[in-house]
Amino acid sequence: MKRWIKYTSFLFIVTILFALQTLDVNAQTIVPASGDQSGKTDYKNIMGALDNDGDVVLEDGATYYLKATLWLENNSSITATGATIISKSGAFRNRPSKGNYQSVKNVSVEGGTWKYIDKDGFKKSFIQFSHGQNITLKNLTVYSNYQGHGIELVACKNVLVDNCVLKGVGKTKKNSVEEQLQIDIATPRTAPTVGQYSKKLVKGQTCQNITVQNCVITGSRGICANYASKEKQFQKYFHKNIVLKNNTITGMTGEAVALFNVIGATIEDNTIVTKSSRTSSAYSVGLHIAMFGKAPSSMKKAVYTVRNNMIKGGRQGFYVFSHSSSKFGKVVAEKNMCYAKKGKKNAIKVTPYCVKKKKLSKNKSYKW
């Protein structure tokens, strides 16, 4: 009997310790909405919870008001499923302090409808991460002005954007080319807000392993992997491994997708459409892959897989071109339906002297 009591007591203690350990690991702070439309109370409460615990849950169906941008640190998360968050500034970002993707790690934001207080949306970067890694943005709905970015990733790696809606709002300008999702290089001109922290953070650092899947994105441009167009000294730096799968991406006045200075990409099962009226310009291309500087040696083995997409553009549907002496490694385009307003012959154009190898098979071309 005594042995049974000891054994039972031991099991009870182990169970309690395990429960406490689980509670600690999974601890989250539920932050109720205050109703204070000045944004002071909700901002204070959410930032306090982030600082104290790192993991915040917002109430389903509630509306939160922020007086300023939320700042996210390592190992933090926001779960905002069903909540609406209205900010007087940006939505959230990190403070860059270190290079080599060390400024922020292991961050996730899930759910929520994120808006600027003005119905025309924020005209800068509403969400921004810089010099970070292991970042997940899932099930967000983000409204941002056509002249701004819903999400900007500056020199980040291992980022997943999954099942998000990024929607441009306000008036579109005929010549606007700002993308709702920007994959950016860190230079003084492309990332001035990052450069304010240190000149060391804007030395041409680029992004790696960026995956965008199951999203609906509409902007002046939809998605762009950016290059330093006005800083030639940084044009030799390239992003690596961009993956776009199962998205609907629309460019209203520029390309739906523009991938500039990227080593290796996979674009599969997407609907990619530009509605730009500038049909004699590259800005009207549906899927535009280009390089503008001397590529590193790793470009020789880079593969660009474009498969099972529906692509519509003006001047071209799908277009590959190098503006330098460097050539792309291998371009594989299979089972795509491509359209161009400039005619069937322009629906797919992989410029022969710009690629080392190409494989085009089972694609269909149409005049749009």
Protein backbone atom coordinates (compact mmCIF):
# COMPACT_ATOMS: atom_id res chain seq x y z
CA MET A 1 0.00 0.00 0.00
CA LYS A 2 2.79 2.43 0.94
CA ARG A 3 4.62 1.54 -2.27
CA TRP A 4 1.43 2.29 -4.27
CA ILE A 5 1.02 5.66 -2.50
CA LYS A 6 4.64 6.58 -3.24
CA TYR A 7 4.22 5.59 -6.87
CA THR A 8 0.96 7.56 -7.18
CA SER A 9 2.56 10.60 -5.53
CA PHE A 10 5.51 10.38 -7.91
CA LEU A 11 3.19 10.27 -10.94
CA PHE A 12 1.22 13.24 -9.58
CA ILE A 13 4.37 15.33 -9.13
CA VAL A 14 5.64 14.42 -12.61
CA THR A 15 2.26 15.31 -14.11
CA ILE A 16 2.21 18.69 -12.35
CA LEU A 17 5.77 19.49 -13.42
CA PHE A 18 4.98 18.56 -17.01
CA ALA A 19 1.85 20.70 -16.95
CA LEU A 20 3.78 23.66 -15.55
CA GLN A 21 6.48 23.20 -18.16
CA THR A 22 3.87 23.10 -20.93
CA LEU A 23 2.17 26.20 -19.53
CA ASP A 24 5.47 28.07 -19.54
CA VAL A 25 6.33 27.06 -23.10
CA ASN A 26 2.92 27.87 -24.46
CA ALA A 27 2.24 30.94 -22.33
CA GLN A 28 0.49 33.72 -24.20
CA THR A 29 -0.91 37.03 -23.09
CA ILE A 30 -4.45 37.79 -24.18
CA VAL A 31 -4.81 41.53 -24.65
CA PRO A 32 -8.43 42.80 -24.63
CA ALA A 33 -9.37 45.74 -26.82
CA SER A 34 -9.79 48.97 -24.86
CA GLY A 35 -12.02 50.92 -27.25
CA ASP A 36 -9.70 53.93 -26.89
CA GLN A 37 -9.55 55.33 -30.43
CA SER A 38 -6.61 57.57 -29.60
CA GLY A 39 -4.52 54.41 -29.88
CA LYS A 40 -2.65 55.07 -26.64
CA THR A 41 -4.20 52.32 -24.51
CA ASP A 42 -4.10 49.43 -26.99
CA TYR A 43 -0.58 50.36 -28.06
CA LYS A 44 0.61 50.44 -24.45
CA ASN A 45 -1.08 47.15 -23.59
CA ILE A 46 0.15 45.27 -26.66
CA MET A 47 3.71 46.58 -26.41
CA GLY A 48 3.72 45.80 -22.69
CA ALA A 49 2.69 42.21 -23.38
CA LEU A 50 5.29 41.87 -26.15
CA ASP A 51 8.00 43.20 -23.85
CA ASN A 52 6.98 40.98 -20.93
CA ASP A 53 6.04 37.73 -22.61
CA GLY A 54 6.70 38.01 -26.33
CA ASP A 55 3.54 36.15 -27.34
CA VAL A 56 0.35 38.15 -27.73
CA VAL A 57 -3.21 37.11 -28.60
CA LEU A 58 -5.76 39.68 -29.73
CA GLU A 59 -9.46 39.00 -29.28
CA ASP A 60 -11.42 37.56 -32.18
CA GLY A 61 -13.92 40.13 -33.46
CA ALA A 62 -12.38 43.06 -31.57
CA THR A 63 -10.99 46.31 -33.01
CA TYR A 64 -7.69 47.70 -31.78
CA TYR A 65 -6.25 51.17 -32.31
CA LEU A 66 -2.54 51.94 -32.39
CA LYS A 67 -0.99 55.36 -31.92
CA ALA A 68 2.28 54.12 -33.47
CA THR A 69 4.06 51.14 -35.00
CA LEU A 70 4.46 47.94 -32.97
CA TRP A 71 8.08 46.86 -32.49
CA LEU A 72 8.83 43.13 -32.64
CA GLU A 73 11.87 41.45 -31.09
CA ASN A 74 13.33 37.93 -31.17
CA ASN A 75 11.00 35.02 -30.43
CA SER A 76 7.83 37.08 -30.47
CA SER A 77 4.42 36.38 -31.94
CA ILE A 78 1.08 38.06 -32.47
CA THR A 79 -2.06 36.00 -33.03
CA ALA A 80 -4.76 38.33 -34.31
CA THR A 81 -7.26 35.96 -35.91
CA GLY A 82 -10.56 37.77 -36.44
CA ALA A 83 -9.27 41.07 -35.05
CA THR A 84 -9.05 44.42 -36.83
CA ILE A 85 -6.04 46.62 -36.12
CA ILE A 86 -6.13 50.30 -37.15
CA SER A 87 -2.88 52.24 -36.88
CA LYS A 88 -2.01 55.93 -37.04
CA SER A 89 1.38 54.93 -38.41
CA GLY A 90 2.80 51.62 -39.62
CA ALA A 91 1.57 48.23 -38.42
CA PHE A 92 4.70 46.47 -37.12
CA ARG A 93 8.44 46.16 -37.77
CA ASN A 94 11.76 45.53 -36.04
CA ARG A 95 14.62 47.83 -35.13
CA PRO A 96 17.67 46.81 -37.18
CA SER A 97 20.85 46.60 -35.15
CA LYS A 98 23.01 43.87 -36.69
CA GLY A 99 23.83 42.59 -40.15
CA ASN A 100 24.08 38.98 -41.34
CA TYR A 101 20.34 38.45 -40.66
CA GLN A 102 20.85 38.84 -36.91
CA SER A 103 18.62 41.83 -36.09
CA VAL A 104 15.49 39.80 -35.42
CA LYS A 105 14.77 36.05 -35.39
CA ASN A 106 11.85 33.68 -34.96
CA VAL A 107 8.91 36.03 -35.36
CA SER A 108 5.37 35.11 -36.40
CA VAL A 109 2.23 37.12 -36.98
CA GLU A 110 -0.99 35.28 -37.75
CA GLY A 111 -4.34 36.68 -38.75
CA GLY A 112 -5.92 40.06 -38.41
CA THR A 113 -7.05 42.81 -40.73
CA TRP A 114 -4.40 45.53 -40.62
CA LYS A 115 -5.33 49.04 -41.75
CA TYR A 116 -4.05 52.60 -41.67
CA ILE A 117 -6.39 55.10 -40.03
CA ASP A 118 -6.92 56.96 -43.33
CA LYS A 119 -9.08 55.08 -45.83
CA ASP A 120 -6.51 55.76 -48.57
CA GLY A 121 -3.92 53.70 -46.74
CA PHE A 122 -0.34 54.16 -45.58
CA LYS A 123 1.97 55.62 -48.24
CA LYS A 124 5.19 54.12 -46.91
CA SER A 125 6.04 50.57 -45.76
CA PHE A 126 3.14 49.47 -43.55
CA ILE A 127 4.92 46.29 -42.41
CA GLN A 128 8.71 46.05 -42.54
CA PHE A 129 11.36 43.58 -41.48
CA SER A 130 15.06 44.22 -41.99
CA HIS A 131 18.16 42.09 -41.44
CA GLY A 132 16.05 39.31 -39.92
CA GLN A 133 15.43 35.60 -40.36
CA ASN A 134 12.83 32.92 -39.65
CA ILE A 135 9.82 35.18 -40.08
CA THR A 136 6.29 33.91 -40.74
CA LEU A 137 3.34 36.06 -41.80
CA LYS A 138 0.19 33.98 -42.15
CA ASN A 139 -3.50 34.71 -42.80
CA LEU A 140 -3.08 38.50 -42.69
CA THR A 141 -5.23 40.97 -44.61
CA VAL A 142 -3.25 44.16 -45.19
CA TYR A 143 -4.48 47.39 -46.77
CA SER A 144 -1.85 49.88 -47.93
CA ASN A 145 -1.77 52.77 -50.39
CA TYR A 146 -0.84 52.06 -54.00
CA GLN A 147 2.17 54.36 -53.48
CA GLY A 148 3.41 52.32 -50.53
CA HIS A 149 4.19 48.72 -49.60
CA GLY A 150 1.97 46.39 -47.61
CA ILE A 151 5.04 44.32 -46.70
CA GLU A 152 8.69 45.23 -47.18
CA LEU A 153 11.46 42.72 -46.53
CA VAL A 154 14.91 44.31 -46.44
CA ALA A 155 17.88 41.92 -46.36
CA CYS A 156 15.92 39.06 -44.75
CA LYS A 157 16.14 35.30 -45.12
CA ASN A 158 13.89 32.33 -44.45
CA VAL A 159 10.63 34.23 -44.70
CA LEU A 160 7.20 32.69 -45.32
CA VAL A 161 4.22 34.78 -46.41
CA ASP A 162 1.27 32.39 -46.48
CA ASN A 163 -2.42 32.85 -47.26
CA CYS A 164 -2.30 36.63 -46.98
CA VAL A 165 -4.30 39.30 -48.79
CA LEU A 166 -2.31 42.42 -49.68
CA LYS A 167 -4.57 45.05 -51.17
CA GLY A 168 -3.66 48.44 -52.58
CA VAL A 169 -6.13 51.20 -51.71
CA GLY A 170 -6.54 54.84 -52.65
CA LYS A 171 -6.06 56.14 -56.16
CA THR A 172 -3.71 54.50 -58.62
CA LYS A 173 -1.34 56.74 -60.54
CA LYS A 174 -0.68 55.86 -64.17
CA ASN A 175 3.08 55.69 -63.70
CA SER A 176 3.20 54.17 -60.22
CA VAL A 177 5.46 51.13 -59.84
CA GLU A 178 5.39 50.59 -56.07
CA GLU A 179 4.81 46.96 -55.13
CA GLN A 180 2.60 45.68 -52.34
CA LEU A 181 5.21 43.04 -51.46
CA GLN A 182 8.75 44.32 -51.79
CA ILE A 183 11.78 42.06 -51.49
CA ASP A 184 14.47 44.69 -51.06
CA ILE A 185 18.21 45.19 -51.15
CA ALA A 186 19.65 47.29 -48.33
CA THR A 187 21.28 50.42 -49.74
CA PRO A 188 21.15 54.09 -48.72
CA ARG A 189 18.60 54.86 -51.43
CA THR A 190 16.47 51.70 -51.39
CA ALA A 191 16.23 51.44 -47.58
CA PRO A 192 16.78 54.91 -46.07
CA THR A 193 14.86 54.11 -42.86
CA VAL A 194 17.23 51.18 -42.23
CA GLY A 195 20.26 53.34 -42.98
CA GLN A 196 19.21 55.75 -40.24
CA TYR A 197 20.29 53.14 -37.69
CA SER A 198 23.76 52.51 -39.13
CA LYS A 199 25.59 52.93 -42.42
CA LYS A 200 26.80 49.34 -41.97
CA LEU A 201 23.22 48.13 -42.52
CA VAL A 202 22.98 49.54 -46.06
CA LYS A 203 25.95 47.96 -47.81
CA GLY A 204 24.04 46.00 -50.45
CA GLN A 205 22.74 43.16 -48.27
CA THR A 206 20.08 41.06 -50.01
CA CYS A 207 17.29 38.57 -49.30
CA GLN A 208 17.40 34.76 -49.36
CA ASN A 209 14.80 32.00 -49.24
CA ILE A 210 11.63 34.06 -49.52
CA THR A 211 8.45 32.02 -50.05
CA VAL A 212 5.09 33.56 -50.93
CA GLN A 213 2.22 31.09 -51.25
CA ASN A 214 -1.57 30.99 -51.34
CA CYS A 215 -1.79 34.80 -51.37
CA VAL A 216 -3.91 37.37 -53.20
CA ILE A 217 -1.85 40.47 -53.94
CA THR A 218 -2.93 43.61 -55.81
CA GLY A 219 -0.78 46.70 -56.12
CA SER A 220 0.68 49.16 -58.59
CA ARG A 221 3.13 46.31 -58.89
CA GLY A 222 2.25 43.07 -57.17
CA ILE A 223 5.59 41.61 -56.08
CA CYS A 224 9.05 42.96 -56.83
CA ALA A 225 12.51 41.72 -55.88
CA ASN A 226 14.25 45.05 -56.06
CA TYR A 227 17.72 46.11 -57.19
CA ALA A 228 19.71 49.32 -56.74
CA SER A 229 18.71 51.07 -59.95
CA LYS A 230 20.46 54.33 -59.07
CA GLU A 231 23.49 52.95 -57.22
CA LYS A 232 25.65 51.02 -59.67
CA GLN A 233 28.12 49.97 -56.99
CA PHE A 234 25.42 47.73 -55.50
CA GLN A 235 24.21 46.13 -58.74
CA LYS A 236 26.57 43.18 -58.30
CA TYR A 237 24.60 41.97 -55.26
CA PHE A 238 21.80 39.47 -55.89
CA HIS A 239 18.90 37.99 -53.97
CA LYS A 240 18.69 34.18 -53.79
CA ASN A 241 15.90 31.64 -54.06
CA ILE A 242 12.51 33.29 -54.44
CA VAL A 243 9.51 30.92 -54.41
CA LEU A 244 6.02 31.97 -55.54
CA LYS A 245 3.32 29.27 -55.44
CA ASN A 246 -0.44 29.25 -55.82
CA ASN A 247 -0.91 33.02 -55.69
CA THR A 248 -3.13 35.47 -57.54
CA ILE A 249 -0.98 38.52 -58.25
CA THR A 250 -2.14 41.66 -60.04
CA GLY A 251 -0.21 44.74 -61.10
CA MET A 252 -2.47 47.69 -61.84
CA THR A 253 0.10 50.04 -63.43
CA GLY A 254 3.30 47.98 -63.37
CA GLU A 255 4.35 44.36 -63.59
CA ALA A 256 2.43 41.79 -61.60
CA VAL A 257 5.75 40.13 -60.73
CA ALA A 258 9.22 41.59 -61.26
CA LEU A 259 12.26 39.61 -60.13
CA PHE A 260 15.42 41.66 -60.57
CA ASN A 261 18.91 40.40 -59.72
CA VAL A 262 17.73 37.09 -58.32
CA ILE A 263 19.74 33.85 -58.32
CA GLY A 264 17.23 31.03 -58.69
CA ALA A 265 13.45 31.18 -58.52
CA THR A 266 10.43 28.88 -58.58
CA ILE A 267 7.15 30.27 -59.89
CA GLU A 268 4.39 27.64 -59.97
CA ASP A 269 0.59 27.48 -60.09
CA ASN A 270 0.03 31.24 -60.01
CA THR A 271 -2.31 33.64 -61.77
CA ILE A 272 -0.14 36.61 -62.76
CA VAL A 273 -1.79 39.57 -64.49
CA THR A 274 -0.78 43.15 -65.20
CA LYS A 275 -3.41 45.69 -66.16
CA SER A 276 -0.91 48.40 -67.09
CA SER A 277 -1.94 50.46 -70.10
CA ARG A 278 1.72 51.18 -70.96
CA THR A 279 1.91 48.32 -73.42
CA SER A 280 5.14 49.52 -75.04
CA SER A 281 6.93 49.55 -71.69
CA ALA A 282 8.56 46.80 -69.63
CA TYR A 283 6.27 47.91 -66.82
CA SER A 284 3.44 46.15 -68.63
CA VAL A 285 5.11 42.72 -68.55
CA GLY A 286 3.22 40.11 -66.53
CA LEU A 287 6.21 38.14 -65.19
CA HIS A 288 9.46 40.07 -65.67
CA ILE A 289 12.79 38.42 -64.81
CA ALA A 290 15.85 40.60 -65.42
CA MET A 291 19.37 41.33 -64.24
CA PHE A 292 21.19 44.64 -64.21
CA GLY A 293 24.69 43.95 -62.93
CA LYS A 294 27.51 41.45 -63.17
CA ALA A 295 26.26 38.25 -61.59
CA PRO A 296 28.31 36.16 -59.14
CA SER A 297 29.63 32.77 -60.28
CA SER A 298 26.73 30.96 -58.59
CA MET A 299 24.47 32.29 -61.36
CA LYS A 300 25.89 29.63 -63.70
CA LYS A 301 24.03 26.89 -61.80
CA ALA A 302 20.92 28.92 -61.00
CA VAL A 303 17.60 27.49 -62.19
CA TYR A 304 14.41 29.47 -62.86
CA THR A 305 11.39 27.20 -62.95
CA VAL A 306 8.17 28.71 -64.31
CA ARG A 307 5.49 26.04 -64.39
CA ASN A 308 1.72 25.78 -64.68
CA ASN A 309 0.98 29.51 -64.43
CA MET A 310 -1.54 31.73 -66.16
CA ILE A 311 0.35 34.90 -67.13
CA LYS A 312 -1.08 38.01 -68.80
CA GLY A 313 0.89 41.08 -69.82
CA GLY A 314 1.02 43.96 -72.24
CA ARG A 315 4.35 44.12 -74.07
CA GLN A 316 5.12 40.54 -73.04
CA GLY A 317 3.46 37.98 -70.85
CA PHE A 318 6.59 36.22 -69.57
CA TYR A 319 9.90 37.96 -70.28
CA VAL A 320 13.52 37.16 -69.41
CA PHE A 321 16.32 39.61 -70.21
CA SER A 322 19.81 40.56 -69.02
CA HIS A 323 20.96 44.18 -69.15
CA SER A 324 24.55 43.13 -68.43
CA SER A 325 27.08 40.75 -69.95
CA SER A 326 26.06 38.06 -67.44
CA LYS A 327 23.70 35.28 -68.44
CA PHE A 328 21.02 33.46 -66.47
CA GLY A 329 21.83 29.82 -65.69
CA LYS A 330 18.84 27.76 -66.83
CA VAL A 331 15.25 28.79 -67.51
CA VAL A 332 12.60 26.05 -67.48
CA ALA A 333 9.11 27.11 -68.58
CA GLU A 334 6.49 24.37 -68.78
CA LYS A 335 2.71 24.14 -69.04
CA ASN A 336 2.09 27.88 -68.82
CA MET A 337 -0.73 29.79 -70.47
CA CYS A 338 0.74 33.13 -71.51
CA TYR A 339 -0.96 36.16 -73.04
CA ALA A 340 0.35 39.45 -74.44
CA LYS A 341 -1.55 42.45 -75.73
CA LYS A 342 1.27 42.93 -78.22
CA GLY A 343 0.43 39.62 -79.81
CA LYS A 344 0.86 35.88 -79.50
CA LYS A 345 4.55 35.98 -80.47
CA ASN A 346 5.27 38.17 -77.44
CA ALA A 347 3.42 36.02 -74.92
CA ILE A 348 6.67 34.22 -73.99
CA LYS A 349 10.07 35.76 -74.63
CA VAL A 350 13.14 34.18 -73.08
CA THR A 351 15.90 36.14 -74.81
CA PRO A 352 18.32 33.47 -76.19
CA TYR A 353 21.58 35.35 -75.70
CA CYS A 354 20.66 36.14 -72.08
CA VAL A 355 20.48 32.53 -70.84
CA LYS A 356 22.92 29.63 -70.86
CA LYS A 357 20.21 27.00 -71.13
CA LYS A 358 16.48 27.04 -71.62
CA LYS A 359 13.73 24.46 -71.77
CA LEU A 360 10.35 25.62 -73.03
CA SER A 361 7.71 22.91 -73.31
CA LYS A 362 3.94 22.50 -73.38
CA ASN A 363 3.31 26.24 -73.05
CA LYS A 364 0.40 27.94 -74.79
CA SER A 365 0.61 31.47 -76.18
CA TYR A 366 -2.24 33.86 -76.97
CA LYS A 367 -2.92 37.42 -77.98
CA TRP A 368 -4.81 39.11 -75.15
